[in-house]
Amino acid sequence: MVLGRVIGTLVATRKEPTLEGLKLLVVRACDVDGKPTGSVAVAVDAVGAGLGEVVLYCAGSSARQTTVTQNRPVDATIMAIVDSIAVDGEQ
């Protein structure tokens, strides 16, 4: 899983029929302080995340292991909304 921040939404009016009804969000990888660290991904939202939230997302075959994405052609899925992060006893 990768820590990331939702930075946008994606709308595609024409797409693979099995993707109909799925919410697509743009996510940028970040560190535990929320600072950008890497690439941007388009991820299916399986948990109701929103713009600006810190999330956990997975990519590759793991992205198809949720009830929302099973047997669908997705490469990234938001699987959790982060409430808090504690590192070395500090939040």
Protein backbone atom coordinates (compact mmCIF):
# COMPACT_ATOMS: atom_id res chain seq x y z
CA MET A 1 0.00 0.00 0.00
CA VAL A 2 1.06 3.57 -0.67
CA LEU A 3 0.30 6.70 1.32
CA GLY A 4 -1.13 9.45 -0.87
CA ARG A 5 -3.22 12.61 -1.00
CA VAL A 6 -6.27 13.03 -3.24
CA ILE A 7 -5.46 15.98 -5.51
CA GLY A 8 -8.24 15.79 -8.06
CA THR A 9 -11.02 13.94 -9.82
CA LEU A 10 -11.21 12.35 -13.23
CA VAL A 11 -14.31 12.19 -15.41
CA ALA A 12 -14.42 9.90 -18.44
CA THR A 13 -17.73 9.82 -20.27
CA ARG A 14 -16.62 6.95 -22.54
CA LYS A 15 -14.99 3.98 -20.84
CA GLU A 16 -14.92 0.22 -20.50
CA PRO A 17 -18.47 -0.83 -19.47
CA THR A 18 -17.23 -2.56 -16.28
CA LEU A 19 -15.92 0.82 -15.07
CA GLU A 20 -19.37 2.44 -15.23
CA GLY A 21 -20.39 3.88 -11.86
CA LEU A 22 -16.89 3.88 -10.35
CA LYS A 23 -15.54 7.13 -8.88
CA LEU A 24 -12.07 7.95 -10.22
CA LEU A 25 -9.71 10.13 -8.18
CA VAL A 26 -6.24 11.51 -8.89
CA VAL A 27 -3.81 10.64 -6.08
CA ARG A 28 -0.22 11.80 -5.50
CA ALA A 29 2.09 9.72 -3.31
CA CYS A 30 3.14 11.53 -0.11
CA ASP A 31 5.20 11.07 3.03
CA VAL A 32 3.81 10.81 6.58
CA ASP A 33 3.79 14.62 6.80
CA GLY A 34 1.62 14.85 3.67
CA LYS A 35 4.40 16.26 1.48
CA PRO A 36 4.43 15.00 -2.14
CA THR A 37 7.04 12.32 -2.78
CA GLY A 38 6.35 10.86 -6.14
CA SER A 39 4.12 9.97 -8.96
CA VAL A 40 0.47 10.60 -9.64
CA ALA A 41 -2.04 7.77 -10.12
CA VAL A 42 -5.67 7.54 -11.11
CA ALA A 43 -7.37 5.30 -8.57
CA VAL A 44 -10.84 3.86 -8.14
CA ASP A 45 -12.35 5.08 -4.88
CA ALA A 46 -13.61 2.09 -2.89
CA VAL A 47 -14.17 3.98 0.39
CA GLY A 48 -15.71 7.39 -0.32
CA ALA A 49 -12.57 9.54 -0.17
CA GLY A 50 -12.64 13.23 -1.01
CA LEU A 51 -10.41 15.98 -2.31
CA GLY A 52 -7.47 16.77 -0.01
CA GLU A 53 -7.75 13.63 2.11
CA VAL A 54 -4.77 11.43 2.91
CA VAL A 55 -5.47 7.86 1.81
CA LEU A 56 -3.90 4.45 1.43
CA TYR A 57 -3.99 3.08 -2.07
CA CYS A 58 -2.64 -0.01 -3.74
CA ALA A 59 -1.59 -0.67 -7.30
CA GLY A 60 -1.23 -3.66 -9.56
CA SER A 61 -3.11 -6.90 -9.03
CA SER A 62 -3.88 -5.95 -5.41
CA ALA A 63 -6.10 -3.15 -6.74
CA ARG A 64 -8.58 -5.76 -7.95
CA GLN A 65 -9.01 -7.42 -4.55
CA THR A 66 -11.83 -5.23 -3.18
CA THR A 67 -15.52 -5.96 -3.58
CA VAL A 68 -15.83 -2.75 -5.64
CA THR A 69 -13.04 -3.59 -8.09
CA GLN A 70 -13.08 -7.38 -8.32
CA ASN A 71 -12.74 -8.58 -11.91
CA ARG A 72 -12.52 -5.02 -13.26
CA PRO A 73 -9.63 -3.58 -15.30
CA VAL A 74 -8.17 -1.28 -12.62
CA ASP A 75 -4.56 -0.68 -11.64
CA ALA A 76 -5.00 1.46 -8.50
CA THR A 77 -7.62 1.48 -5.75
CA ILE A 78 -8.08 3.71 -2.70
CA MET A 79 -8.61 1.26 0.14
CA ALA A 80 -8.57 3.47 3.26
CA ILE A 81 -8.93 7.06 4.42
CA VAL A 82 -6.20 7.90 6.93
CA ASP A 83 -7.41 9.34 10.25
CA SER A 84 -4.02 9.72 11.89
CA ILE A 85 -0.41 8.62 11.60
CA ALA A 86 1.94 8.04 14.54
CA VAL A 87 5.68 7.70 13.97
CA ASP A 88 8.06 7.20 16.92
CA GLY A 89 5.20 8.00 19.28
CA GLU A 90 4.42 11.34 17.64
CA GLN A 91 1.36 12.13 15.56
